[in-house]
Amino acid sequence: MSQLFPRSADMWLRLALLLLFGGLAGVFVACVVLDRSDYVTGKGWIIRQPVPFSHEHHAGALKIDCRYCHDSVETSPVAGLPPIHTCMSCHSQIWTGADMLAPVRQSLAKDEALHWNRVSELPDYVYFHHDVHVNAGVGCETCHGQVDTMPLMNRAQTFTMSWCLDCHQDPAPRLRPPDAVVEMGWTTKQDRRELGERLIEENHIETQNLTDCYVCHR
């Protein structure tokens, strides 16, 4: 009785199945890596703005307090962007004819706000309050990085759910005194965990339910 399939058929079938499942596994791994890559999260990417505003110059060299421009960060869900009059409080006196500041002068002349492009953006389904975090002792650089070293602003963190949960699960080591919240490169000789736990107690910060879904999704 003749053999229907050659002896090598079994080997080729096994090889084909191995390639199929290996390929599927490779695609899955590639998707996971891509999803966590800076290309998808936007971490480190510079967003084009109407004016090449340098935090390195303003916050770094000139030591301008974050709250001078982001004046609602302690009292509002949003940090706020400076009105054009805030910019012109300085630039009506210095760099008055700089080409890069032409959009600022035009904005003032037309009484129209500049349209800044968001760098640190969360999805609409995420409930986030700047004032809650700042008043609890979360430093600006925790989320935004050392902006005083950024010639052009970029996203310093991934802002993924897992990144947020890392802090919500163990906030103590990430907290700092109120007067150090806006300080870039802040350090302390105190033990960060002991300091954070003391701040939690002093400021009556509720930490038991920080990982509950409704905290961020309402």
N, C-alpha and C. Protein backbone atom coordinates (compact mmCIF):
# COMPACT_ATOMS: atom_id res chain seq x y z
N MET A 1 0.86 -1.19 0.00
CA MET A 1 0.00 0.00 0.00
C MET A 1 0.89 1.25 0.00
N SER A 2 0.65 2.12 -0.95
CA SER A 2 1.50 3.30 -1.09
C SER A 2 1.19 4.31 0.02
N GLN A 3 2.22 5.09 0.41
CA GLN A 3 2.10 6.10 1.47
C GLN A 3 1.54 7.38 0.88
N LEU A 4 0.47 7.95 1.52
CA LEU A 4 -0.19 9.14 0.98
C LEU A 4 0.70 10.37 1.07
N PHE A 5 1.38 10.54 2.20
CA PHE A 5 2.26 11.70 2.38
C PHE A 5 3.70 11.24 2.50
N PRO A 6 4.64 12.02 2.02
CA PRO A 6 6.06 11.63 2.17
C PRO A 6 6.47 11.66 3.64
N ARG A 7 7.56 10.97 3.96
CA ARG A 7 8.02 10.90 5.33
C ARG A 7 8.35 12.28 5.91
N SER A 8 8.73 13.21 5.05
CA SER A 8 9.12 14.55 5.52
C SER A 8 7.92 15.44 5.85
N ALA A 9 6.68 14.99 5.52
CA ALA A 9 5.50 15.84 5.72
C ALA A 9 5.32 16.19 7.18
N ASP A 10 5.55 15.22 8.07
CA ASP A 10 5.39 15.47 9.51
C ASP A 10 6.36 16.55 9.99
N MET A 11 7.58 16.49 9.48
CA MET A 11 8.58 17.48 9.88
C MET A 11 8.17 18.88 9.41
N TRP A 12 7.68 18.96 8.16
CA TRP A 12 7.28 20.26 7.62
C TRP A 12 6.07 20.81 8.36
N LEU A 13 5.17 19.93 8.77
CA LEU A 13 4.00 20.38 9.52
C LEU A 13 4.43 20.96 10.86
N ARG A 14 5.32 20.24 11.53
CA ARG A 14 5.82 20.73 12.82
C ARG A 14 6.53 22.08 12.66
N LEU A 15 7.32 22.19 11.61
CA LEU A 15 8.05 23.43 11.35
C LEU A 15 7.09 24.58 11.06
N ALA A 16 6.03 24.30 10.27
CA ALA A 16 5.06 25.34 9.95
C ALA A 16 4.32 25.82 11.19
N LEU A 17 3.94 24.87 12.06
CA LEU A 17 3.26 25.23 13.31
C LEU A 17 4.18 26.04 14.23
N LEU A 18 5.45 25.64 14.26
CA LEU A 18 6.43 26.36 15.07
C LEU A 18 6.59 27.80 14.58
N LEU A 19 6.68 27.96 13.26
CA LEU A 19 6.81 29.30 12.69
C LEU A 19 5.56 30.13 12.93
N LEU A 20 4.38 29.48 12.84
CA LEU A 20 3.12 30.19 13.04
C LEU A 20 3.02 30.71 14.46
N PHE A 21 3.20 29.83 15.44
CA PHE A 21 3.07 30.26 16.83
C PHE A 21 4.22 31.18 17.25
N GLY A 22 5.41 30.94 16.69
CA GLY A 22 6.53 31.83 16.97
C GLY A 22 6.28 33.22 16.42
N GLY A 23 5.69 33.26 15.22
CA GLY A 23 5.37 34.56 14.63
C GLY A 23 4.31 35.31 15.42
N LEU A 24 3.27 34.57 15.86
CA LEU A 24 2.22 35.21 16.66
C LEU A 24 2.78 35.75 17.98
N ALA A 25 3.65 34.96 18.61
CA ALA A 25 4.28 35.40 19.85
C ALA A 25 5.14 36.64 19.61
N GLY A 26 5.85 36.64 18.47
CA GLY A 26 6.69 37.79 18.13
C GLY A 26 5.87 39.05 17.91
N VAL A 27 4.72 38.89 17.23
CA VAL A 27 3.83 40.04 16.99
C VAL A 27 3.30 40.57 18.32
N PHE A 28 2.93 39.67 19.23
CA PHE A 28 2.42 40.08 20.53
C PHE A 28 3.48 40.87 21.32
N VAL A 29 4.70 40.32 21.34
CA VAL A 29 5.79 41.01 22.05
C VAL A 29 6.07 42.37 21.42
N ALA A 30 6.06 42.44 20.10
CA ALA A 30 6.32 43.69 19.39
C ALA A 30 5.25 44.74 19.73
N CYS A 31 3.99 44.30 19.83
CA CYS A 31 2.89 45.22 20.16
C CYS A 31 3.04 45.75 21.58
N VAL A 32 3.44 44.86 22.51
CA VAL A 32 3.63 45.28 23.90
C VAL A 32 4.76 46.29 23.99
N VAL A 33 5.88 46.00 23.32
CA VAL A 33 7.03 46.91 23.34
C VAL A 33 6.67 48.25 22.71
N LEU A 34 5.96 48.21 21.59
CA LEU A 34 5.56 49.45 20.91
C LEU A 34 4.63 50.27 21.78
N ASP A 35 3.69 49.59 22.46
CA ASP A 35 2.72 50.30 23.30
C ASP A 35 3.40 51.04 24.45
N ARG A 36 4.53 50.50 24.91
CA ARG A 36 5.24 51.12 26.03
C ARG A 36 6.40 52.00 25.57
N SER A 37 6.56 52.15 24.28
CA SER A 37 7.68 52.92 23.75
C SER A 37 7.40 54.42 23.83
N ASP A 38 8.46 55.21 23.74
CA ASP A 38 8.32 56.66 23.75
C ASP A 38 7.54 57.15 22.54
N TYR A 39 7.56 56.36 21.46
CA TYR A 39 6.82 56.74 20.26
C TYR A 39 5.32 56.83 20.55
N VAL A 40 4.82 55.91 21.38
CA VAL A 40 3.39 55.89 21.71
C VAL A 40 3.09 56.80 22.90
N THR A 41 3.91 56.74 23.95
CA THR A 41 3.65 57.53 25.16
C THR A 41 3.99 59.00 24.98
N GLY A 42 4.86 59.30 24.02
CA GLY A 42 5.24 60.69 23.80
C GLY A 42 6.34 61.18 24.73
N LYS A 43 6.85 60.31 25.59
CA LYS A 43 7.89 60.71 26.54
C LYS A 43 9.13 61.19 25.80
N GLY A 44 9.61 62.38 26.19
CA GLY A 44 10.82 62.93 25.59
C GLY A 44 10.60 63.68 24.29
N TRP A 45 9.38 63.65 23.77
CA TRP A 45 9.11 64.32 22.50
C TRP A 45 8.82 65.80 22.72
N ILE A 46 9.35 66.62 21.85
CA ILE A 46 9.13 68.07 21.91
C ILE A 46 7.94 68.42 21.02
N ILE A 47 7.01 69.17 21.58
CA ILE A 47 5.81 69.59 20.84
C ILE A 47 6.04 71.00 20.29
N ARG A 48 5.80 71.18 19.03
CA ARG A 48 5.99 72.49 18.41
C ARG A 48 5.00 73.51 19.00
N GLN A 49 5.49 74.70 19.32
CA GLN A 49 4.69 75.75 19.93
C GLN A 49 4.72 77.00 19.05
N PRO A 50 3.75 77.91 19.25
CA PRO A 50 3.75 79.14 18.44
C PRO A 50 4.95 80.04 18.74
N VAL A 51 5.52 79.89 19.96
CA VAL A 51 6.72 80.63 20.35
C VAL A 51 7.67 79.63 21.01
N PRO A 52 8.94 79.63 20.66
CA PRO A 52 9.89 78.68 21.26
C PRO A 52 10.25 79.08 22.69
N PHE A 53 9.30 78.95 23.58
CA PHE A 53 9.49 79.35 24.98
C PHE A 53 10.49 78.42 25.66
N SER A 54 11.48 79.00 26.33
CA SER A 54 12.52 78.22 26.99
C SER A 54 12.32 78.24 28.51
N HIS A 55 11.93 77.09 29.06
CA HIS A 55 11.89 76.98 30.52
C HIS A 55 13.30 77.05 31.11
N GLU A 56 14.28 76.58 30.35
CA GLU A 56 15.66 76.63 30.82
C GLU A 56 16.07 78.08 31.10
N HIS A 57 15.65 78.99 30.23
CA HIS A 57 15.98 80.41 30.40
C HIS A 57 15.15 81.06 31.51
N HIS A 58 13.83 80.86 31.45
CA HIS A 58 12.94 81.55 32.39
C HIS A 58 12.97 80.96 33.79
N ALA A 59 12.78 79.62 33.88
CA ALA A 59 12.75 78.97 35.20
C ALA A 59 14.15 78.68 35.72
N GLY A 60 15.10 78.44 34.79
CA GLY A 60 16.45 78.10 35.19
C GLY A 60 17.32 79.31 35.43
N ALA A 61 17.65 80.03 34.36
CA ALA A 61 18.56 81.16 34.48
C ALA A 61 17.96 82.32 35.26
N LEU A 62 16.70 82.65 34.98
CA LEU A 62 16.07 83.80 35.63
C LEU A 62 15.39 83.46 36.95
N LYS A 63 15.25 82.16 37.25
CA LYS A 63 14.66 81.70 38.51
C LYS A 63 13.22 82.22 38.72
N ILE A 64 12.47 82.28 37.65
CA ILE A 64 11.07 82.71 37.76
C ILE A 64 10.25 81.57 38.35
N ASP A 65 9.51 81.84 39.39
CA ASP A 65 8.69 80.84 40.07
C ASP A 65 7.63 80.29 39.11
N CYS A 66 7.43 78.97 39.16
CA CYS A 66 6.43 78.33 38.29
C CYS A 66 5.08 79.02 38.39
N ARG A 67 4.74 79.45 39.59
CA ARG A 67 3.40 80.01 39.85
C ARG A 67 3.21 81.41 39.28
N TYR A 68 4.29 82.02 38.81
CA TYR A 68 4.14 83.34 38.18
C TYR A 68 3.37 83.21 36.87
N CYS A 69 3.66 82.14 36.14
CA CYS A 69 2.96 81.89 34.87
C CYS A 69 1.77 80.96 35.06
N HIS A 70 1.96 79.92 35.86
CA HIS A 70 0.90 78.93 36.11
C HIS A 70 0.23 79.29 37.45
N ASP A 71 -0.50 80.38 37.43
CA ASP A 71 -0.95 80.99 38.69
C ASP A 71 -2.14 80.30 39.35
N SER A 72 -2.75 79.34 38.68
CA SER A 72 -3.90 78.67 39.28
C SER A 72 -3.57 77.24 39.72
N VAL A 73 -2.29 76.89 39.72
CA VAL A 73 -1.90 75.51 39.99
C VAL A 73 -2.23 75.08 41.42
N GLU A 74 -2.31 76.03 42.35
CA GLU A 74 -2.59 75.70 43.75
C GLU A 74 -4.07 75.78 44.10
N THR A 75 -4.88 76.28 43.18
CA THR A 75 -6.29 76.51 43.51
C THR A 75 -7.26 75.94 42.49
N SER A 76 -6.74 75.29 41.47
CA SER A 76 -7.60 74.85 40.37
C SER A 76 -7.17 73.48 39.85
N PRO A 77 -8.09 72.74 39.21
CA PRO A 77 -7.72 71.47 38.59
C PRO A 77 -6.64 71.63 37.53
N VAL A 78 -6.61 72.78 36.87
CA VAL A 78 -5.63 73.03 35.80
C VAL A 78 -4.58 74.03 36.28
N ALA A 79 -3.37 73.87 35.75
CA ALA A 79 -2.28 74.75 36.17
C ALA A 79 -2.44 76.15 35.61
N GLY A 80 -3.10 76.24 34.47
CA GLY A 80 -3.30 77.55 33.85
C GLY A 80 -2.13 77.97 33.00
N LEU A 81 -2.41 78.71 31.95
CA LEU A 81 -1.38 79.28 31.09
C LEU A 81 -1.42 80.80 31.23
N PRO A 82 -0.27 81.45 31.15
CA PRO A 82 -0.25 82.90 31.38
C PRO A 82 -0.97 83.67 30.27
N PRO A 83 -1.78 84.67 30.64
CA PRO A 83 -2.34 85.55 29.60
C PRO A 83 -1.22 86.34 28.95
N ILE A 84 -1.48 86.84 27.78
CA ILE A 84 -0.43 87.53 27.02
C ILE A 84 0.12 88.73 27.78
N HIS A 85 -0.69 89.33 28.66
CA HIS A 85 -0.23 90.49 29.43
C HIS A 85 0.88 90.09 30.41
N THR A 86 0.85 88.84 30.88
CA THR A 86 1.93 88.38 31.76
C THR A 86 3.24 88.34 31.01
N CYS A 87 3.21 87.84 29.78
CA CYS A 87 4.42 87.80 28.95
C CYS A 87 4.93 89.22 28.68
N MET A 88 4.00 90.11 28.37
CA MET A 88 4.38 91.47 28.00
C MET A 88 4.78 92.33 29.19
N SER A 89 4.53 91.85 30.41
CA SER A 89 4.99 92.62 31.56
C SER A 89 6.51 92.72 31.56
N CYS A 90 7.16 91.72 30.94
CA CYS A 90 8.62 91.78 30.76
C CYS A 90 8.99 92.21 29.34
N HIS A 91 8.32 91.62 28.37
CA HIS A 91 8.76 91.80 26.99
C HIS A 91 8.28 93.09 26.34
N SER A 92 7.61 93.93 27.10
CA SER A 92 7.38 95.30 26.63
C SER A 92 8.61 96.15 26.91
N GLN A 93 9.55 95.58 27.72
CA GLN A 93 10.76 96.30 28.09
C GLN A 93 12.02 95.65 27.51
N ILE A 94 12.02 94.32 27.39
CA ILE A 94 13.21 93.63 26.89
C ILE A 94 12.84 92.75 25.70
N TRP A 95 13.79 92.59 24.80
CA TRP A 95 13.60 91.81 23.58
C TRP A 95 12.35 92.29 22.83
N THR A 96 12.17 93.59 22.80
CA THR A 96 10.92 94.15 22.25
C THR A 96 10.78 93.93 20.74
N GLY A 97 11.91 93.77 20.06
CA GLY A 97 11.83 93.60 18.61
C GLY A 97 12.25 92.23 18.13
N ALA A 98 12.39 91.27 19.05
CA ALA A 98 12.85 89.93 18.67
C ALA A 98 11.86 89.27 17.72
N ASP A 99 12.38 88.69 16.64
CA ASP A 99 11.52 88.04 15.65
C ASP A 99 10.72 86.89 16.27
N MET A 100 11.35 86.13 17.17
CA MET A 100 10.65 84.97 17.73
C MET A 100 9.47 85.37 18.60
N LEU A 101 9.46 86.64 19.04
CA LEU A 101 8.36 87.10 19.89
C LEU A 101 7.27 87.83 19.09
N ALA A 102 7.38 87.80 17.77
CA ALA A 102 6.36 88.45 16.93
C ALA A 102 4.95 87.93 17.22
N PRO A 103 4.75 86.60 17.38
CA PRO A 103 3.41 86.11 17.71
C PRO A 103 2.87 86.67 19.02
N VAL A 104 3.76 86.93 19.98
CA VAL A 104 3.33 87.49 21.26
C VAL A 104 2.83 88.92 21.05
N ARG A 105 3.58 89.72 20.30
CA ARG A 105 3.16 91.10 20.04
C ARG A 105 1.87 91.14 19.23
N GLN A 106 1.75 90.25 18.26
CA GLN A 106 0.53 90.20 17.45
C GLN A 106 -0.67 89.79 18.30
N SER A 107 -0.45 88.86 19.22
CA SER A 107 -1.53 88.42 20.12
C SER A 107 -2.03 89.58 20.96
N LEU A 108 -1.11 90.40 21.45
CA LEU A 108 -1.50 91.56 22.26
C LEU A 108 -2.24 92.58 21.41
N ALA A 109 -1.74 92.83 20.20
CA ALA A 109 -2.36 93.82 19.33
C ALA A 109 -3.77 93.42 18.92
N LYS A 110 -3.98 92.11 18.68
CA LYS A 110 -5.29 91.62 18.26
C LYS A 110 -6.19 91.24 19.43
N ASP A 111 -5.61 91.27 20.63
CA ASP A 111 -6.34 90.86 21.83
C ASP A 111 -6.86 89.42 21.68
N GLU A 112 -6.00 88.57 21.16
CA GLU A 112 -6.33 87.16 20.98
C GLU A 112 -5.28 86.30 21.69
N ALA A 113 -5.73 85.30 22.42
CA ALA A 113 -4.80 84.45 23.17
C ALA A 113 -3.97 83.58 22.22
N LEU A 114 -2.74 83.35 22.58
CA LEU A 114 -1.91 82.40 21.84
C LEU A 114 -2.44 80.98 22.06
N HIS A 115 -2.37 80.17 21.02
CA HIS A 115 -2.81 78.78 21.16
C HIS A 115 -1.58 77.92 21.42
N TRP A 116 -1.39 77.54 22.69
CA TRP A 116 -0.28 76.67 23.05
C TRP A 116 -0.71 75.21 22.90
N ASN A 117 0.18 74.38 22.45
CA ASN A 117 -0.10 72.95 22.28
C ASN A 117 0.29 72.20 23.55
N ARG A 118 -0.62 71.37 24.05
CA ARG A 118 -0.40 70.66 25.30
C ARG A 118 0.75 69.67 25.17
N VAL A 119 1.58 69.65 26.19
CA VAL A 119 2.70 68.70 26.25
C VAL A 119 2.34 67.53 27.16
N SER A 120 1.84 67.84 28.34
CA SER A 120 1.44 66.80 29.30
C SER A 120 -0.08 66.70 29.27
N GLU A 121 -0.58 65.75 28.52
CA GLU A 121 -2.03 65.65 28.32
C GLU A 121 -2.54 64.29 28.77
N LEU A 122 -3.62 64.30 29.52
CA LEU A 122 -4.25 63.07 29.99
C LEU A 122 -5.56 62.86 29.22
N PRO A 123 -6.00 61.62 29.07
CA PRO A 123 -7.27 61.36 28.39
C PRO A 123 -8.44 62.03 29.13
N ASP A 124 -9.53 62.27 28.42
CA ASP A 124 -10.69 62.93 29.00
C ASP A 124 -11.31 62.12 30.13
N TYR A 125 -11.12 60.81 30.12
CA TYR A 125 -11.75 59.98 31.15
C TYR A 125 -10.93 59.93 32.45
N VAL A 126 -9.82 60.67 32.50
CA VAL A 126 -9.01 60.71 33.72
C VAL A 126 -9.33 61.99 34.48
N TYR A 127 -9.70 61.82 35.74
CA TYR A 127 -10.02 62.95 36.61
C TYR A 127 -8.76 63.34 37.37
N PHE A 128 -8.23 64.53 37.07
CA PHE A 128 -6.97 64.96 37.68
C PHE A 128 -7.07 66.40 38.15
N HIS A 129 -6.59 66.65 39.37
CA HIS A 129 -6.57 67.99 39.95
C HIS A 129 -5.14 68.38 40.27
N HIS A 130 -4.66 69.48 39.67
CA HIS A 130 -3.33 69.97 40.02
C HIS A 130 -3.28 70.42 41.47
N ASP A 131 -4.32 71.14 41.91
CA ASP A 131 -4.25 71.71 43.25
C ASP A 131 -4.17 70.63 44.33
N VAL A 132 -4.86 69.51 44.14
CA VAL A 132 -4.83 68.43 45.12
C VAL A 132 -3.40 67.89 45.26
N HIS A 133 -2.75 67.67 44.13
CA HIS A 133 -1.40 67.11 44.15
C HIS A 133 -0.38 68.11 44.70
N VAL A 134 -0.45 69.35 44.23
CA VAL A 134 0.51 70.36 44.68
C VAL A 134 0.38 70.62 46.17
N ASN A 135 -0.85 70.76 46.65
CA ASN A 135 -1.06 71.04 48.07
C ASN A 135 -0.75 69.83 48.96
N ALA A 136 -0.70 68.64 48.36
CA ALA A 136 -0.33 67.45 49.11
C ALA A 136 1.18 67.30 49.20
N GLY A 137 1.91 68.07 48.39
CA GLY A 137 3.36 68.01 48.45
C GLY A 137 4.02 67.28 47.30
N VAL A 138 3.29 67.10 46.20
CA VAL A 138 3.88 66.48 45.01
C VAL A 138 4.57 67.57 44.20
N GLY A 139 5.88 67.45 44.05
CA GLY A 139 6.64 68.49 43.35
C GLY A 139 6.33 68.55 41.87
N CYS A 140 6.46 69.75 41.31
CA CYS A 140 6.21 69.92 39.88
C CYS A 140 7.07 68.98 39.04
N GLU A 141 8.35 68.83 39.43
CA GLU A 141 9.25 68.03 38.62
C GLU A 141 8.95 66.54 38.69
N THR A 142 8.14 66.11 39.67
CA THR A 142 7.77 64.70 39.75
C THR A 142 7.07 64.27 38.47
N CYS A 143 6.21 65.12 37.96
CA CYS A 143 5.48 64.80 36.73
C CYS A 143 6.09 65.45 35.50
N HIS A 144 6.59 66.66 35.66
CA HIS A 144 7.03 67.44 34.50
C HIS A 144 8.53 67.43 34.27
N GLY A 145 9.28 66.79 35.18
CA GLY A 145 10.73 66.76 35.03
C GLY A 145 11.37 68.08 35.41
N GLN A 146 12.68 68.14 35.29
CA GLN A 146 13.39 69.38 35.62
C GLN A 146 13.28 70.36 34.45
N VAL A 147 12.17 71.08 34.45
CA VAL A 147 11.90 71.99 33.34
C VAL A 147 12.93 73.09 33.23
N ASP A 148 13.64 73.37 34.33
CA ASP A 148 14.66 74.42 34.30
C ASP A 148 15.88 74.02 33.47
N THR A 149 15.90 72.79 32.97
CA THR A 149 16.98 72.34 32.10
C THR A 149 16.49 72.10 30.68
N MET A 150 15.24 72.45 30.39
CA MET A 150 14.65 72.17 29.08
C MET A 150 14.60 73.44 28.22
N PRO A 151 15.45 73.52 27.19
CA PRO A 151 15.35 74.67 26.27
C PRO A 151 13.97 74.71 25.61
N LEU A 152 13.44 73.54 25.26
CA LEU A 152 12.09 73.41 24.75
C LEU A 152 11.40 72.32 25.57
N MET A 153 10.15 72.56 25.91
CA MET A 153 9.44 71.67 26.82
C MET A 153 9.16 70.33 26.16
N ASN A 154 9.39 69.26 26.93
CA ASN A 154 9.02 67.93 26.46
C ASN A 154 8.35 67.15 27.58
N ARG A 155 7.67 66.07 27.22
CA ARG A 155 6.99 65.25 28.20
C ARG A 155 8.01 64.39 28.93
N ALA A 156 8.09 64.58 30.26
CA ALA A 156 9.12 63.91 31.04
C ALA A 156 8.71 62.52 31.49
N GLN A 157 7.41 62.24 31.55
CA GLN A 157 6.92 60.96 32.05
C GLN A 157 5.94 60.36 31.05
N THR A 158 5.65 59.07 31.24
CA THR A 158 4.76 58.38 30.32
C THR A 158 3.29 58.69 30.58
N PHE A 159 2.95 59.02 31.83
CA PHE A 159 1.57 59.27 32.24
C PHE A 159 0.65 58.08 31.95
N THR A 160 1.22 56.89 32.03
CA THR A 160 0.40 55.69 31.90
C THR A 160 -0.29 55.42 33.24
N MET A 161 -1.28 54.56 33.21
CA MET A 161 -2.01 54.21 34.44
C MET A 161 -1.08 53.57 35.46
N SER A 162 -0.19 52.70 35.00
CA SER A 162 0.73 52.03 35.92
C SER A 162 1.68 53.02 36.57
N TRP A 163 2.09 54.06 35.81
CA TRP A 163 2.98 55.08 36.38
C TRP A 163 2.27 55.86 37.49
N CYS A 164 1.02 56.20 37.27
CA CYS A 164 0.25 56.92 38.30
C CYS A 164 0.03 56.03 39.52
N LEU A 165 -0.28 54.76 39.28
CA LEU A 165 -0.54 53.84 40.39
C LEU A 165 0.70 53.61 41.25
N ASP A 166 1.88 53.65 40.65
CA ASP A 166 3.10 53.49 41.43
C ASP A 166 3.16 54.52 42.56
N CYS A 167 2.73 55.73 42.26
CA CYS A 167 2.74 56.80 43.26
C CYS A 167 1.57 56.66 44.23
N HIS A 168 0.41 56.33 43.72
CA HIS A 168 -0.78 56.21 44.57
C HIS A 168 -0.65 55.06 45.55
N GLN A 169 0.07 54.02 45.17
CA GLN A 169 0.26 52.87 46.06
C GLN A 169 1.25 53.17 47.18
N ASP A 170 2.17 54.10 46.92
CA ASP A 170 3.20 54.41 47.91
C ASP A 170 3.62 55.87 47.77
N PRO A 171 2.76 56.80 48.20
CA PRO A 171 3.04 58.22 47.97
C PRO A 171 4.11 58.82 48.89
N ALA A 172 4.32 58.28 50.07
CA ALA A 172 5.18 58.91 51.07
C ALA A 172 6.56 59.33 50.55
N PRO A 173 7.32 58.44 49.88
CA PRO A 173 8.68 58.82 49.44
C PRO A 173 8.69 59.90 48.37
N ARG A 174 7.53 60.22 47.82
CA ARG A 174 7.47 61.17 46.71
C ARG A 174 7.00 62.55 47.15
N LEU A 175 6.68 62.70 48.42
CA LEU A 175 6.16 63.98 48.91
C LEU A 175 7.30 64.85 49.43
N ARG A 176 7.06 66.15 49.42
CA ARG A 176 8.04 67.12 49.91
C ARG A 176 7.33 68.25 50.63
N PRO A 177 8.03 69.05 51.42
CA PRO A 177 7.39 70.17 52.13
C PRO A 177 6.78 71.17 51.15
N PRO A 178 5.74 71.91 51.58
CA PRO A 178 5.06 72.85 50.68
C PRO A 178 6.00 73.87 50.04
N ASP A 179 7.00 74.34 50.78
CA ASP A 179 7.89 75.36 50.23
C ASP A 179 8.89 74.80 49.22
N ALA A 180 8.88 73.49 49.01
CA ALA A 180 9.81 72.88 48.06
C ALA A 180 9.10 72.32 46.84
N VAL A 181 7.79 72.51 46.76
CA VAL A 181 7.01 71.90 45.67
C VAL A 181 7.47 72.39 44.30
N VAL A 182 7.77 73.68 44.18
CA VAL A 182 8.15 74.23 42.87
C VAL A 182 9.66 74.24 42.66
N GLU A 183 10.42 73.77 43.64
CA GLU A 183 11.87 73.81 43.52
C GLU A 183 12.36 72.67 42.63
N MET A 184 13.19 73.03 41.66
CA MET A 184 13.75 72.04 40.75
C MET A 184 15.02 71.43 41.36
N GLY A 185 15.18 70.12 41.20
CA GLY A 185 16.35 69.45 41.72
C GLY A 185 16.41 69.41 43.24
N TRP A 186 15.26 69.45 43.87
CA TRP A 186 15.21 69.50 45.33
C TRP A 186 15.74 68.21 45.95
N THR A 187 16.54 68.36 46.99
CA THR A 187 17.04 67.22 47.74
C THR A 187 16.92 67.53 49.23
N THR A 188 17.01 66.51 50.05
CA THR A 188 16.95 66.67 51.49
C THR A 188 17.82 65.61 52.15
N LYS A 189 18.37 65.95 53.31
CA LYS A 189 19.17 64.99 54.06
C LYS A 189 18.29 64.07 54.90
N GLN A 190 17.01 64.42 55.00
CA GLN A 190 16.08 63.58 55.76
C GLN A 190 15.73 62.33 54.95
N ASP A 191 15.35 61.28 55.64
CA ASP A 191 14.86 60.08 54.99
C ASP A 191 13.54 60.40 54.30
N ARG A 192 13.46 60.16 52.99
CA ARG A 192 12.29 60.57 52.23
C ARG A 192 11.01 59.89 52.71
N ARG A 193 11.10 58.63 53.09
CA ARG A 193 9.90 57.94 53.55
C ARG A 193 9.43 58.50 54.90
N GLU A 194 10.36 58.71 55.81
CA GLU A 194 9.98 59.25 57.10
C GLU A 194 9.41 60.66 56.95
N LEU A 195 10.03 61.46 56.10
CA LEU A 195 9.54 62.81 55.84
C LEU A 195 8.13 62.75 55.25
N GLY A 196 7.94 61.89 54.24
CA GLY A 196 6.64 61.78 53.59
C GLY A 196 5.55 61.33 54.53
N GLU A 197 5.86 60.35 55.37
CA GLU A 197 4.87 59.86 56.32
C GLU A 197 4.51 60.94 57.34
N ARG A 198 5.49 61.76 57.72
CA ARG A 198 5.20 62.86 58.64
C ARG A 198 4.31 63.90 57.97
N LEU A 199 4.59 64.20 56.70
CA LEU A 199 3.78 65.16 55.96
C LEU A 199 2.35 64.66 55.77
N ILE A 200 2.21 63.37 55.53
CA ILE A 200 0.87 62.77 55.39
C ILE A 200 0.07 62.96 56.66
N GLU A 201 0.73 62.74 57.79
CA GLU A 201 0.05 62.89 59.08
C GLU A 201 -0.25 64.35 59.38
N GLU A 202 0.70 65.24 59.15
CA GLU A 202 0.52 66.66 59.45
C GLU A 202 -0.55 67.29 58.58
N ASN A 203 -0.60 66.89 57.32
CA ASN A 203 -1.54 67.50 56.38
C ASN A 203 -2.84 66.71 56.24
N HIS A 204 -2.98 65.66 57.05
CA HIS A 204 -4.21 64.85 57.07
C HIS A 204 -4.56 64.34 55.67
N ILE A 205 -3.56 63.79 54.99
CA ILE A 205 -3.75 63.28 53.64
C ILE A 205 -4.32 61.87 53.71
N GLU A 206 -5.44 61.66 53.04
CA GLU A 206 -6.09 60.35 53.01
C GLU A 206 -5.40 59.47 51.98
N THR A 207 -4.81 58.37 52.42
CA THR A 207 -4.07 57.50 51.50
C THR A 207 -4.69 56.11 51.33
N GLN A 208 -5.67 55.77 52.16
CA GLN A 208 -6.21 54.40 52.15
C GLN A 208 -6.88 54.03 50.84
N ASN A 209 -7.52 54.99 50.19
CA ASN A 209 -8.33 54.67 49.01
C ASN A 209 -7.75 55.23 47.71
N LEU A 210 -6.48 55.55 47.70
CA LEU A 210 -5.89 56.19 46.53
C LEU A 210 -5.88 55.31 45.28
N THR A 211 -5.99 54.00 45.47
CA THR A 211 -5.98 53.11 44.30
C THR A 211 -7.38 52.69 43.88
N ASP A 212 -8.40 53.21 44.53
CA ASP A 212 -9.78 52.90 44.12
C ASP A 212 -10.05 53.54 42.74
N CYS A 213 -10.82 52.86 41.93
CA CYS A 213 -11.07 53.33 40.56
C CYS A 213 -11.68 54.72 40.53
N TYR A 214 -12.62 54.99 41.45
CA TYR A 214 -13.35 56.25 41.37
C TYR A 214 -12.47 57.46 41.65
N VAL A 215 -11.29 57.27 42.23
CA VAL A 215 -10.39 58.39 42.50
C VAL A 215 -9.98 59.09 41.22
N CYS A 216 -9.71 58.32 40.18
CA CYS A 216 -9.27 58.90 38.91
C CYS A 216 -10.31 58.80 37.79
N HIS A 217 -11.31 57.94 37.96
CA HIS A 217 -12.31 57.75 36.91
C HIS A 217 -13.69 57.94 37.51
N ARG A 218 -14.36 59.04 37.11
CA ARG A 218 -15.68 59.36 37.70
C ARG A 218 -16.71 59.56 36.61
